[in-house]
PDB file of N, CA and C in Angstrom:
ATOM      1  N   MET A   1      20.862  -0.371   5.503  1.00  0.00           N
ATOM      2  CA  MET A   1      20.768   0.311   6.770  1.00  0.00           C
ATOM      3  C   MET A   1      19.766  -0.438   7.643  1.00  0.00           C
ATOM      4  N   GLU A   2      20.050  -0.515   8.921  1.00  0.00           N
ATOM      5  CA  GLU A   2      19.183  -1.259   9.827  1.00  0.00           C
ATOM      6  C   GLU A   2      17.938  -0.458  10.185  1.00  0.00           C
ATOM      7  N   ILE A   3      16.847  -1.178  10.389  1.00  0.00           N
ATOM      8  CA  ILE A   3      15.555  -0.541  10.631  1.00  0.00           C
ATOM      9  C   ILE A   3      15.549   0.224  11.951  1.00  0.00           C
ATOM     10  N   GLU A   4      16.231  -0.275  12.968  1.00  0.00           N
ATOM     11  CA  GLU A   4      16.260   0.420  14.254  1.00  0.00           C
ATOM     12  C   GLU A   4      16.984   1.757  14.132  1.00  0.00           C
ATOM     13  N   LYS A   5      18.019   1.812  13.335  1.00  0.00           N
ATOM     14  CA  LYS A   5      18.736   3.062  13.112  1.00  0.00           C
ATOM     15  C   LYS A   5      17.826   4.062  12.386  1.00  0.00           C
ATOM     16  N   ILE A   6      17.064   3.567  11.437  1.00  0.00           N
ATOM     17  CA  ILE A   6      16.143   4.425  10.682  1.00  0.00           C
ATOM     18  C   ILE A   6      15.043   4.951  11.602  1.00  0.00           C
ATOM     19  N   ARG A   7      14.533   4.113  12.488  1.00  0.00           N
ATOM     20  CA  ARG A   7      13.473   4.540  13.409  1.00  0.00           C
ATOM     21  C   ARG A   7      13.936   5.665  14.338  1.00  0.00           C
ATOM     22  N   ASN A   8      15.236   5.744  14.605  1.00  0.00           N
ATOM     23  CA  ASN A   8      15.757   6.782  15.494  1.00  0.00           C
ATOM     24  C   ASN A   8      15.936   8.125  14.786  1.00  0.00           C
ATOM     25  N   PHE A   9      15.803   8.174  13.472  1.00  0.00           N
ATOM     26  CA  PHE A   9      15.912   9.424  12.730  1.00  0.00           C
ATOM     27  C   PHE A   9      14.700  10.305  13.019  1.00  0.00           C
ATOM     28  N   THR A  10      14.907  11.611  12.952  1.00  0.00           N
ATOM     29  CA  THR A  10      13.774  12.530  13.021  1.00  0.00           C
ATOM     30  C   THR A  10      13.138  12.575  11.637  1.00  0.00           C
ATOM     31  N   ASP A  11      12.006  13.260  11.530  1.00  0.00           N
ATOM     32  CA  ASP A  11      11.316  13.347  10.245  1.00  0.00           C
ATOM     33  C   ASP A  11      12.185  14.035   9.192  1.00  0.00           C
ATOM     34  N   GLU A  12      12.896  15.085   9.601  1.00  0.00           N
ATOM     35  CA  GLU A  12      13.748  15.803   8.655  1.00  0.00           C
ATOM     36  C   GLU A  12      14.905  14.925   8.183  1.00  0.00           C
ATOM     37  N   GLU A  13      15.487  14.176   9.118  1.00  0.00           N
ATOM     38  CA  GLU A  13      16.587  13.269   8.753  1.00  0.00           C
ATOM     39  C   GLU A  13      16.108  12.178   7.804  1.00  0.00           C
ATOM     40  N   LEU A  14      14.885  11.699   8.019  1.00  0.00           N
ATOM     41  CA  LEU A  14      14.321  10.690   7.120  1.00  0.00           C
ATOM     42  C   LEU A  14      14.230  11.222   5.695  1.00  0.00           C
ATOM     43  N   VAL A  15      13.752  12.445   5.555  1.00  0.00           N
ATOM     44  CA  VAL A  15      13.601  13.046   4.230  1.00  0.00           C
ATOM     45  C   VAL A  15      14.973  13.216   3.576  1.00  0.00           C
ATOM     46  N   VAL A  16      15.950  13.693   4.344  1.00  0.00           N
ATOM     47  CA  VAL A  16      17.293  13.908   3.811  1.00  0.00           C
ATOM     48  C   VAL A  16      17.912  12.582   3.363  1.00  0.00           C
ATOM     49  N   GLU A  17      17.805  11.562   4.207  1.00  0.00           N
ATOM     50  CA  GLU A  17      18.379  10.254   3.875  1.00  0.00           C
ATOM     51  C   GLU A  17      17.677   9.631   2.663  1.00  0.00           C
ATOM     52  N   GLU A  18      16.357   9.825   2.571  1.00  0.00           N
ATOM     53  CA  GLU A  18      15.629   9.300   1.412  1.00  0.00           C
ATOM     54  C   GLU A  18      16.110   9.965   0.124  1.00  0.00           C
ATOM     55  N   HIS A  19      16.321  11.281   0.165  1.00  0.00           N
ATOM     56  CA  HIS A  19      16.805  11.998  -1.016  1.00  0.00           C
ATOM     57  C   HIS A  19      18.220  11.559  -1.390  1.00  0.00           C
ATOM     58  N   LYS A  20      19.059  11.340  -0.387  1.00  0.00           N
ATOM     59  CA  LYS A  20      20.425  10.875  -0.652  1.00  0.00           C
ATOM     60  C   LYS A  20      20.400   9.511  -1.338  1.00  0.00           C
ATOM     61  N   ALA A  21      19.588   8.602  -0.799  1.00  0.00           N
ATOM     62  CA  ALA A  21      19.514   7.257  -1.373  1.00  0.00           C
ATOM     63  C   ALA A  21      18.936   7.299  -2.783  1.00  0.00           C
ATOM     64  N   ALA A  22      17.939   8.136  -3.005  1.00  0.00           N
ATOM     65  CA  ALA A  22      17.343   8.252  -4.338  1.00  0.00           C
ATOM     66  C   ALA A  22      18.356   8.811  -5.334  1.00  0.00           C
ATOM     67  N   GLU A  23      19.153   9.771  -4.906  1.00  0.00           N
ATOM     68  CA  GLU A  23      20.184  10.333  -5.788  1.00  0.00           C
ATOM     69  C   GLU A  23      21.261   9.300  -6.102  1.00  0.00           C
ATOM     70  N   GLN A  24      21.651   8.520  -5.100  1.00  0.00           N
ATOM     71  CA  GLN A  24      22.633   7.451  -5.335  1.00  0.00           C
ATOM     72  C   GLN A  24      22.090   6.427  -6.320  1.00  0.00           C
ATOM     73  N   MET A  25      20.803   6.088  -6.174  1.00  0.00           N
ATOM     74  CA  MET A  25      20.187   5.139  -7.105  1.00  0.00           C
ATOM     75  C   MET A  25      20.211   5.683  -8.516  1.00  0.00           C
ATOM     76  N   PHE A  26      19.905   6.963  -8.672  1.00  0.00           N
ATOM     77  CA  PHE A  26      19.889   7.600  -9.978  1.00  0.00           C
ATOM     78  C   PHE A  26      21.268   7.496 -10.632  1.00  0.00           C
ATOM     79  N   ARG A  27      22.294   7.852  -9.884  1.00  0.00           N
ATOM     80  CA  ARG A  27      23.659   7.813 -10.419  1.00  0.00           C
ATOM     81  C   ARG A  27      24.104   6.389 -10.708  1.00  0.00           C
ATOM     82  N   LEU A  28      23.734   5.470  -9.847  1.00  0.00           N
ATOM     83  CA  LEU A  28      24.119   4.076 -10.024  1.00  0.00           C
ATOM     84  C   LEU A  28      23.451   3.468 -11.259  1.00  0.00           C
ATOM     85  N   ARG A  29      22.207   3.843 -11.511  1.00  0.00           N
ATOM     86  CA  ARG A  29      21.522   3.350 -12.714  1.00  0.00           C
ATOM     87  C   ARG A  29      22.246   3.788 -13.983  1.00  0.00           C
ATOM     88  N   PHE A  30      22.714   5.040 -14.004  1.00  0.00           N
ATOM     89  CA  PHE A  30      23.462   5.519 -15.166  1.00  0.00           C
ATOM     90  C   PHE A  30      24.774   4.766 -15.322  1.00  0.00           C
ATOM     91  N   GLN A  31      25.452   4.517 -14.229  1.00  0.00           N
ATOM     92  CA  GLN A  31      26.715   3.794 -14.289  1.00  0.00           C
ATOM     93  C   GLN A  31      26.511   2.366 -14.779  1.00  0.00           C
ATOM     94  N   ILE A  32      25.456   1.738 -14.318  1.00  0.00           N
ATOM     95  CA  ILE A  32      25.175   0.363 -14.747  1.00  0.00           C
ATOM     96  C   ILE A  32      24.807   0.331 -16.215  1.00  0.00           C
ATOM     97  N   SER A  33      23.962   1.268 -16.666  1.00  0.00           N
ATOM     98  CA  SER A  33      23.526   1.266 -18.066  1.00  0.00           C
ATOM     99  C   SER A  33      24.668   1.597 -19.020  1.00  0.00           C
ATOM    100  N   SER A  34      25.633   2.390 -18.563  1.00  0.00           N
ATOM    101  CA  SER A  34      26.772   2.709 -19.433  1.00  0.00           C
ATOM    102  C   SER A  34      27.884   1.677 -19.331  1.00  0.00           C
ATOM    103  N   GLY A  35      27.703   0.676 -18.482  1.00  0.00           N
ATOM    104  CA  GLY A  35      28.681  -0.395 -18.376  1.00  0.00           C
ATOM    105  C   GLY A  35      29.865  -0.072 -17.498  1.00  0.00           C
ATOM    106  N   GLN A  36      29.819   1.023 -16.757  1.00  0.00           N
ATOM    107  CA  GLN A  36      30.939   1.409 -15.909  1.00  0.00           C
ATOM    108  C   GLN A  36      31.020   0.578 -14.638  1.00  0.00           C
ATOM    109  N   GLN A  37      29.901   0.059 -14.177  1.00  0.00           N
ATOM    110  CA  GLN A  37      29.901  -0.614 -12.891  1.00  0.00           C
ATOM    111  C   GLN A  37      28.857  -1.725 -12.879  1.00  0.00           C
ATOM    112  N   ASP A  38      29.165  -2.786 -12.154  1.00  0.00           N
ATOM    113  CA  ASP A  38      28.200  -3.853 -11.920  1.00  0.00           C
ATOM    114  C   ASP A  38      27.708  -3.727 -10.481  1.00  0.00           C
ATOM    115  N   GLY A  39      26.859  -2.764 -10.222  1.00  0.00           N
ATOM    116  CA  GLY A  39      26.391  -2.475  -8.871  1.00  0.00           C
ATOM    117  C   GLY A  39      24.956  -2.878  -8.649  1.00  0.00           C
ATOM    118  N   VAL A  40      24.570  -4.035  -9.162  1.00  0.00           N
ATOM    119  CA  VAL A  40      23.183  -4.465  -9.034  1.00  0.00           C
ATOM    120  C   VAL A  40      22.827  -4.708  -7.565  1.00  0.00           C
ATOM    121  N   LYS A  41      23.765  -5.273  -6.821  1.00  0.00           N
ATOM    122  CA  LYS A  41      23.506  -5.540  -5.406  1.00  0.00           C
ATOM    123  C   LYS A  41      23.324  -4.235  -4.635  1.00  0.00           C
ATOM    124  N   LYS A  42      24.172  -3.252  -4.926  1.00  0.00           N
ATOM    125  CA  LYS A  42      24.071  -1.951  -4.271  1.00  0.00           C
ATOM    126  C   LYS A  42      22.749  -1.271  -4.640  1.00  0.00           C
ATOM    127  N   LEU A  43      22.333  -1.377  -5.887  1.00  0.00           N
ATOM    128  CA  LEU A  43      21.070  -0.797  -6.336  1.00  0.00           C
ATOM    129  C   LEU A  43      19.902  -1.438  -5.594  1.00  0.00           C
ATOM    130  N   ARG A  44      19.952  -2.736  -5.434  1.00  0.00           N
ATOM    131  CA  ARG A  44      18.896  -3.462  -4.723  1.00  0.00           C
ATOM    132  C   ARG A  44      18.799  -2.988  -3.270  1.00  0.00           C
ATOM    133  N   GLU A  45      19.953  -2.818  -2.618  1.00  0.00           N
ATOM    134  CA  GLU A  45      19.963  -2.354  -1.237  1.00  0.00           C
ATOM    135  C   GLU A  45      19.435  -0.924  -1.119  1.00  0.00           C
ATOM    136  N   LEU A  46      19.786  -0.075  -2.074  1.00  0.00           N
ATOM    137  CA  LEU A  46      19.293   1.301  -2.050  1.00  0.00           C
ATOM    138  C   LEU A  46      17.776   1.350  -2.205  1.00  0.00           C
ATOM    139  N   LYS A  47      17.236   0.500  -3.073  1.00  0.00           N
ATOM    140  CA  LYS A  47      15.785   0.439  -3.248  1.00  0.00           C
ATOM    141  C   LYS A  47      15.105   0.045  -1.941  1.00  0.00           C
ATOM    142  N   LYS A  48      15.684  -0.923  -1.260  1.00  0.00           N
ATOM    143  CA  LYS A  48      15.118  -1.367   0.008  1.00  0.00           C
ATOM    144  C   LYS A  48      15.202  -0.270   1.061  1.00  0.00           C
ATOM    145  N   ASP A  49      16.320   0.454   1.073  1.00  0.00           N
ATOM    146  CA  ASP A  49      16.472   1.551   2.029  1.00  0.00           C
ATOM    147  C   ASP A  49      15.434   2.642   1.786  1.00  0.00           C
ATOM    148  N   VAL A  50      15.225   3.001   0.528  1.00  0.00           N
ATOM    149  CA  VAL A  50      14.218   4.017   0.203  1.00  0.00           C
ATOM    150  C   VAL A  50      12.836   3.536   0.658  1.00  0.00           C
ATOM    151  N   ALA A  51      12.541   2.264   0.439  1.00  0.00           N
ATOM    152  CA  ALA A  51      11.256   1.714   0.873  1.00  0.00           C
ATOM    153  C   ALA A  51      11.139   1.762   2.392  1.00  0.00           C
ATOM    154  N   ARG A  52      12.234   1.486   3.094  1.00  0.00           N
ATOM    155  CA  ARG A  52      12.209   1.560   4.562  1.00  0.00           C
ATOM    156  C   ARG A  52      11.954   2.983   5.031  1.00  0.00           C
ATOM    157  N   PHE A  53      12.624   3.958   4.404  1.00  0.00           N
ATOM    158  CA  PHE A  53      12.418   5.353   4.774  1.00  0.00           C
ATOM    159  C   PHE A  53      10.962   5.753   4.573  1.00  0.00           C
ATOM    160  N   LYS A  54      10.402   5.369   3.439  1.00  0.00           N
ATOM    161  CA  LYS A  54       9.015   5.726   3.139  1.00  0.00           C
ATOM    162  C   LYS A  54       8.044   5.028   4.089  1.00  0.00           C
ATOM    163  N   THR A  55       8.346   3.788   4.451  1.00  0.00           N
ATOM    164  CA  THR A  55       7.483   3.041   5.356  1.00  0.00           C
ATOM    165  C   THR A  55       7.454   3.680   6.730  1.00  0.00           C
ATOM    166  N   ILE A  56       8.620   4.051   7.248  1.00  0.00           N
ATOM    167  CA  ILE A  56       8.683   4.680   8.562  1.00  0.00           C
ATOM    168  C   ILE A  56       7.983   6.034   8.534  1.00  0.00           C
ATOM    169  N   ALA A  57       8.196   6.812   7.468  1.00  0.00           N
ATOM    170  CA  ALA A  57       7.545   8.122   7.358  1.00  0.00           C
ATOM    171  C   ALA A  57       6.025   7.963   7.311  1.00  0.00           C
ATOM    172  N   ARG A  58       5.541   6.977   6.563  1.00  0.00           N
ATOM    173  CA  ARG A  58       4.099   6.737   6.457  1.00  0.00           C
ATOM    174  C   ARG A  58       3.528   6.277   7.795  1.00  0.00           C
ATOM    175  N   ASP A  59       4.259   5.415   8.487  1.00  0.00           N
ATOM    176  CA  ASP A  59       3.833   4.928   9.786  1.00  0.00           C
ATOM    177  C   ASP A  59       3.694   6.088  10.771  1.00  0.00           C
ATOM    178  N   ARG A  60       4.660   6.995  10.726  1.00  0.00           N
ATOM    179  CA  ARG A  60       4.595   8.162  11.604  1.00  0.00           C
ATOM    180  C   ARG A  60       3.435   9.076  11.228  1.00  0.00           C
ATOM    181  N   ALA A  61       3.163   9.209   9.950  1.00  0.00           N
ATOM    182  CA  ALA A  61       2.048  10.055   9.523  1.00  0.00           C
ATOM    183  C   ALA A  61       0.716   9.471   9.975  1.00  0.00           C
ATOM    184  N   ILE A  62       0.594   8.170   9.928  1.00  0.00           N
ATOM    185  CA  ILE A  62      -0.659   7.520  10.322  1.00  0.00           C
ATOM    186  C   ILE A  62      -0.854   7.587  11.831  1.00  0.00           C
ATOM    187  N   HIS A  63       0.195   7.271  12.571  1.00  0.00           N
ATOM    188  CA  HIS A  63       0.080   7.206  14.023  1.00  0.00           C
ATOM    189  C   HIS A  63       0.356   8.532  14.716  1.00  0.00           C
ATOM    190  N   GLY A  64       0.781   9.533  13.976  1.00  0.00           N
ATOM    191  CA  GLY A  64       0.930  10.862  14.543  1.00  0.00           C
ATOM    192  C   GLY A  64       2.169  11.059  15.389  1.00  0.00           C
ATOM    193  N   THR A  65       3.204  10.280  15.183  1.00  0.00           N
ATOM    194  CA  THR A  65       4.441  10.496  15.925  1.00  0.00           C
ATOM    195  C   THR A  65       5.458  11.152  15.023  1.00  0.00           C
ATOM    196  N   ASN A  66       6.396  11.881  15.623  1.00  0.00           N
ATOM    197  CA  ASN A  66       7.410  12.555  14.816  1.00  0.00           C
ATOM    198  C   ASN A  66       8.794  11.979  15.020  1.00  0.00           C
ATOM    199  N   GLY A  67       8.893  10.868  15.720  1.00  0.00           N
ATOM    200  CA  GLY A  67      10.180  10.216  15.884  1.00  0.00           C
ATOM    201  C   GLY A  67      10.991  10.733  17.038  1.00  0.00           C
ATOM    202  N   SER A  68      10.469  11.652  17.831  1.00  0.00           N
ATOM    203  CA  SER A  68      11.208  12.145  18.975  1.00  0.00           C
ATOM    204  C   SER A  68      11.018  11.198  20.149  1.00  0.00           C
ATOM    205  N   SER A  69      11.905  11.267  21.091  1.00  0.00           N
ATOM    206  CA  SER A  69      11.878  10.328  22.207  1.00  0.00           C
ATOM    207  C   SER A  69      10.780  10.634  23.221  1.00  0.00           C
ATOM    208  N   ASN A  70      10.289  11.860  23.269  1.00  0.00           N
ATOM    209  CA  ASN A  70       9.266  12.198  24.257  1.00  0.00           C
ATOM    210  C   ASN A  70       7.862  11.804  23.825  1.00  0.00           C
ATOM    211  N   GLY A  71       7.687  11.375  22.596  1.00  0.00           N
ATOM    212  CA  GLY A  71       6.395  10.897  22.125  1.00  0.00           C
ATOM    213  C   GLY A  71       5.421  11.987  21.742  1.00  0.00           C
ATOM    214  N   SER A  72       5.861  13.262  21.749  1.00  0.00           N
ATOM    215  CA  SER A  72       4.957  14.332  21.351  1.00  0.00           C
ATOM    216  C   SER A  72       4.787  14.323  19.843  1.00  0.00           C
ATOM    217  N   SER A  73       3.679  14.833  19.404  1.00  0.00           N
ATOM    218  CA  SER A  73       3.354  14.788  17.987  1.00  0.00           C
ATOM    219  C   SER A  73       3.286  16.189  17.409  1.00  0.00           C
ATOM    220  N   SER A  74       3.977  16.394  16.287  1.00  0.00           N
ATOM    221  CA  SER A  74       3.883  17.687  15.632  1.00  0.00           C
ATOM    222  C   SER A  74       2.840  17.664  14.525  1.00  0.00           C
ATOM    223  N   LYS A  75       2.429  16.478  14.103  1.00  0.00           N
ATOM    224  CA  LYS A  75       1.428  16.337  13.062  1.00  0.00           C
ATOM    225  C   LYS A  75       0.178  15.699  13.654  1.00  0.00           C
ATOM    226  N   PRO A  76      -0.994  16.126  13.232  1.00  0.00           N
ATOM    227  CA  PRO A  76      -2.202  15.459  13.716  1.00  0.00           C
ATOM    228  C   PRO A  76      -2.323  14.079  13.090  1.00  0.00           C
ATOM    229  N   ALA A  77      -2.928  13.191  13.825  1.00  0.00           N
ATOM    230  CA  ALA A  77      -3.119  11.837  13.317  1.00  0.00           C
ATOM    231  C   ALA A  77      -4.116  11.848  12.162  1.00  0.00           C
ATOM    232  N   VAL A  78      -3.878  11.012  11.191  1.00  0.00           N
ATOM    233  CA  VAL A  78      -4.764  10.903  10.045  1.00  0.00           C
ATOM    234  C   VAL A  78      -5.906   9.974  10.424  1.00  0.00           C
ATOM    235  N   THR A  79      -7.137  10.437  10.203  1.00  0.00           N
ATOM    236  CA  THR A  79      -8.294   9.598  10.503  1.00  0.00           C
ATOM    237  C   THR A  79      -9.037   9.301   9.213  1.00  0.00           C
ATOM    238  N   LYS A  80      -9.575   8.116   9.156  1.00  0.00           N
ATOM    239  CA  LYS A  80     -10.347   7.719   7.978  1.00  0.00           C
ATOM    240  C   LYS A  80     -11.816   7.975   8.235  1.00  0.00           C
ATOM    241  N   ALA A  81     -12.488   8.423   7.203  1.00  0.00           N
ATOM    242  CA  ALA A  81     -13.926   8.626   7.296  1.00  0.00           C
ATOM    243  C   ALA A  81     -14.618   7.276   7.158  1.00  0.00           C
ATOM    244  N   ALA A  82     -15.708   7.118   7.843  1.00  0.00           N
ATOM    245  CA  ALA A  82     -16.465   5.872   7.764  1.00  0.00           C
ATOM    246  C   ALA A  82     -17.054   5.737   6.363  1.00  0.00           C
ATOM    247  N   PRO A  83     -17.046   4.528   5.801  1.00  0.00           N
ATOM    248  CA  PRO A  83     -17.616   4.360   4.467  1.00  0.00           C
ATOM    249  C   PRO A  83     -19.122   4.573   4.495  1.00  0.00           C
ATOM    250  N   LYS A  84     -19.622   5.134   3.405  1.00  0.00           N
ATOM    251  CA  LYS A  84     -21.046   5.392   3.299  1.00  0.00           C
ATOM    252  C   LYS A  84     -21.780   4.088   3.032  1.00  0.00           C
ATOM    253  N   PRO A  85     -22.911   3.872   3.688  1.00  0.00           N
ATOM    254  CA  PRO A  85     -23.669   2.644   3.430  1.00  0.00           C
ATOM    255  C   PRO A  85     -24.277   2.684   2.030  1.00  0.00           C
ATOM    256  N   VAL A  86     -24.272   1.549   1.392  1.00  0.00           N
ATOM    257  CA  VAL A  86     -24.816   1.441   0.046  1.00  0.00           C
ATOM    258  C   VAL A  86     -26.198   0.816   0.142  1.00  0.00           C
ATOM    259  N   ALA A  87     -27.185   1.494  -0.436  1.00  0.00           N
ATOM    260  CA  ALA A  87     -28.555   0.988  -0.417  1.00  0.00           C
ATOM    261  C   ALA A  87     -28.674  -0.156  -1.424  1.00  0.00           C
ATOM    262  N   LYS A  88     -29.231  -1.257  -0.969  1.00  0.00           N
ATOM    263  CA  LYS A  88     -29.411  -2.416  -1.848  1.00  0.00           C
ATOM    264  C   LYS A  88     -30.834  -2.421  -2.388  1.00  0.00           C
ATOM    265  N   ALA A  89     -30.949  -2.758  -3.650  1.00  0.00           N
ATOM    266  CA  ALA A  89     -32.266  -2.842  -4.274  1.00  0.00           C
ATOM    267  C   ALA A  89     -32.886  -4.176  -3.885  1.00  0.00           C
ATOM    268  N   ALA A  90     -34.072  -4.143  -3.315  1.00  0.00           N
ATOM    269  CA  ALA A  90     -34.724  -5.355  -2.841  1.00  0.00           C
ATOM    270  C   ALA A  90     -35.366  -6.132  -3.983  1.00  0.00           C
ATOM    271  N   ALA A  91     -35.813  -5.462  -5.027  1.00  0.00           N
ATOM    272  CA  ALA A  91     -36.539  -6.131  -6.102  1.00  0.00           C
ATOM    273  C   ALA A  91     -35.662  -7.106  -6.887  1.00  0.00           C
ATOM    274  N   PRO A  92     -34.464  -6.744  -7.345  1.00  0.00           N
ATOM    275  CA  PRO A  92     -33.672  -7.706  -8.106  1.00  0.00           C
ATOM    276  C   PRO A  92     -33.284  -8.929  -7.283  1.00  0.00           C
ATOM    277  N   ALA A  93     -33.048  -8.762  -6.005  1.00  0.00           N
ATOM    278  CA  ALA A  93     -32.681  -9.892  -5.170  1.00  0.00           C
ATOM    279  C   ALA A  93     -33.861 -10.849  -5.015  1.00  0.00           C
ATOM    280  N   ALA A  94     -35.066 -10.309  -4.982  1.00  0.00           N
ATOM    281  CA  ALA A  94     -36.251 -11.141  -4.823  1.00  0.00           C
ATOM    282  C   ALA A  94     -36.558 -11.902  -6.109  1.00  0.00           C
ATOM    283  N   GLU A  95     -36.207 -11.346  -7.270  1.00  0.00           N
ATOM    284  CA  GLU A  95     -36.510 -11.998  -8.536  1.00  0.00           C
ATOM    285  C   GLU A  95     -35.606 -13.193  -8.798  1.00  0.00           C
ATOM    286  N   LYS A  96     -34.372 -13.126  -8.372  1.00  0.00           N
ATOM    287  CA  LYS A  96     -33.416 -14.191  -8.658  1.00  0.00           C
ATOM    288  C   LYS A  96     -33.856 -15.542  -8.102  1.00  0.00           C
ATOM    289  N   PRO A  97     -34.245 -15.645  -6.836  1.00  0.00           N
ATOM    290  CA  PRO A  97     -34.689 -16.954  -6.350  1.00  0.00           C
ATOM    291  C   PRO A  97     -35.948 -17.440  -7.055  1.00  0.00           C
ATOM    292  N   ALA A  98     -36.815 -16.528  -7.447  1.00  0.00           N
ATOM    293  CA  ALA A  98     -38.028 -16.926  -8.142  1.00  0.00           C
ATOM    294  C   ALA A  98     -37.684 -17.523  -9.505  1.00  0.00           C
ATOM    295  N   LYS A  99     -36.734 -16.951 -10.209  1.00  0.00           N
ATOM    296  CA  LYS A  99     -36.332 -17.483 -11.504  1.00  0.00           C
ATOM    297  C   LYS A  99     -35.714 -18.861 -11.352  1.00  0.00           C
ATOM    298  N   LYS A 100     -34.891 -19.027 -10.313  1.00  0.00           N
ATOM    299  CA  LYS A 100     -34.260 -20.321 -10.094  1.00  0.00           C
ATOM    300  C   LYS A 100     -35.311 -21.375  -9.771  1.00  0.00           C
ATOM    301  N   ALA A 101     -36.293 -20.994  -8.973  1.00  0.00           N
ATOM    302  CA  ALA A 101     -37.344 -21.933  -8.612  1.00  0.00           C
ATOM    303  C   ALA A 101     -38.154 -22.321  -9.845  1.00  0.00           C
ATOM    304  N   ALA A 102     -38.414 -21.360 -10.712  1.00  0.00           N
ATOM    305  CA  ALA A 102     -39.181 -21.650 -11.923  1.00  0.00           C
ATOM    306  C   ALA A 102     -38.382 -22.562 -12.843  1.00  0.00           C
ATOM    307  N   THR A 103     -37.087 -22.364 -12.941  1.00  0.00           N
ATOM    308  CA  THR A 103     -36.248 -23.200 -13.782  1.00  0.00           C
ATOM    309  C   THR A 103     -36.191 -24.625 -13.237  1.00  0.00           C
ATOM    310  N   LYS A 104     -36.107 -24.762 -11.932  1.00  0.00           N
ATOM    311  CA  LYS A 104     -36.040 -26.090 -11.334  1.00  0.00           C
ATOM    312  C   LYS A 104     -37.345 -26.861 -11.565  1.00  0.00           C
ATOM    313  N   THR A 105     -38.485 -26.194 -11.450  1.00  0.00           N
ATOM    314  CA  THR A 105     -39.756 -26.892 -11.640  1.00  0.00           C
ATOM    315  C   THR A 105     -39.948 -27.270 -13.103  1.00  0.00           C
ATOM    316  N   ALA A 106     -39.448 -26.415 -14.031  1.00  0.00           N
ATOM    317  CA  ALA A 106     -39.560 -26.740 -15.435  1.00  0.00           C
ATOM    318  C   ALA A 106     -38.631 -27.895 -15.801  1.00  0.00           C
ATOM    319  N   ALA A 107     -37.471 -27.936 -15.178  1.00  0.00           N
ATOM    320  CA  ALA A 107     -36.521 -29.026 -15.447  1.00  0.00           C
ATOM    321  C   ALA A 107     -37.074 -30.356 -14.923  1.00  0.00           C
ATOM    322  N   LYS A 108     -37.783 -30.340 -13.808  1.00  0.00           N
ATOM    323  CA  LYS A 108     -38.337 -31.566 -13.243  1.00  0.00           C
ATOM    324  C   LYS A 108     -39.441 -32.123 -14.132  1.00  0.00           C
ATOM    325  N   SER A 109     -40.165 -31.254 -14.780  1.00  0.00           N
ATOM    326  CA  SER A 109     -41.273 -31.735 -15.611  1.00  0.00           C
ATOM    327  C   SER A 109     -40.777 -32.173 -16.991  1.00  0.00           C
ATOM    328  N   GLY A 110     -39.514 -31.849 -17.314  1.00  0.00           N
ATOM    329  CA  GLY A 110     -38.940 -32.284 -18.582  1.00  0.00           C
ATOM    330  C   GLY A 110     -39.150 -31.332 -19.723  1.00  0.00           C
ATOM    331  N   LYS A 111     -39.648 -30.154 -19.483  1.00  0.00           N
ATOM    332  CA  LYS A 111     -39.938 -29.205 -20.544  1.00  0.00           C
ATOM    333  C   LYS A 111     -38.748 -28.290 -20.880  1.00  0.00           C
ATOM    334  N   ALA A 112     -37.774 -28.139 -19.985  1.00  0.00           N
ATOM    335  CA  ALA A 112     -36.701 -27.162 -20.157  1.00  0.00           C
ATOM    336  C   ALA A 112     -35.638 -27.651 -21.134  1.00  0.00           C
ATOM    337  N   ALA A 113     -35.215 -28.891 -21.078  1.00  0.00           N
ATOM    338  CA  ALA A 113     -34.090 -29.361 -21.911  1.00  0.00           C
ATOM    339  C   ALA A 113     -34.578 -30.243 -23.041  1.00  0.00           C
ATOM    340  N   LYS A 114     -34.117 -30.000 -24.264  1.00  0.00           N
ATOM    341  CA  LYS A 114     -34.458 -30.837 -25.426  1.00  0.00           C
ATOM    342  C   LYS A 114     -33.240 -31.133 -26.201  1.00  0.00           C
TER     343      LYS A 114
END
């Protein structure tokens, strides 16, 4: 199914079409496993269609559109909370350069490697 046709579906139509495609996939898998049909290409297309339906539905959920032509939204837009700042420990960071400096001076004097 073409993506532009899917974009013109309403939210309810998207859900219905996704369920139809999922049911077809279920039946097709049984037919393939029992050897009744070689529908691997059809199964692949159904998987892609289901992914397209889910992608459009998720896009609408994020951006708050319901697929209608007037652009009104029936669902509120999803907002992400700002990540909490993580406090960094100053002491371990200060020790690391000191250890490296001590190792370098010991290596220069010839005492570190034997």
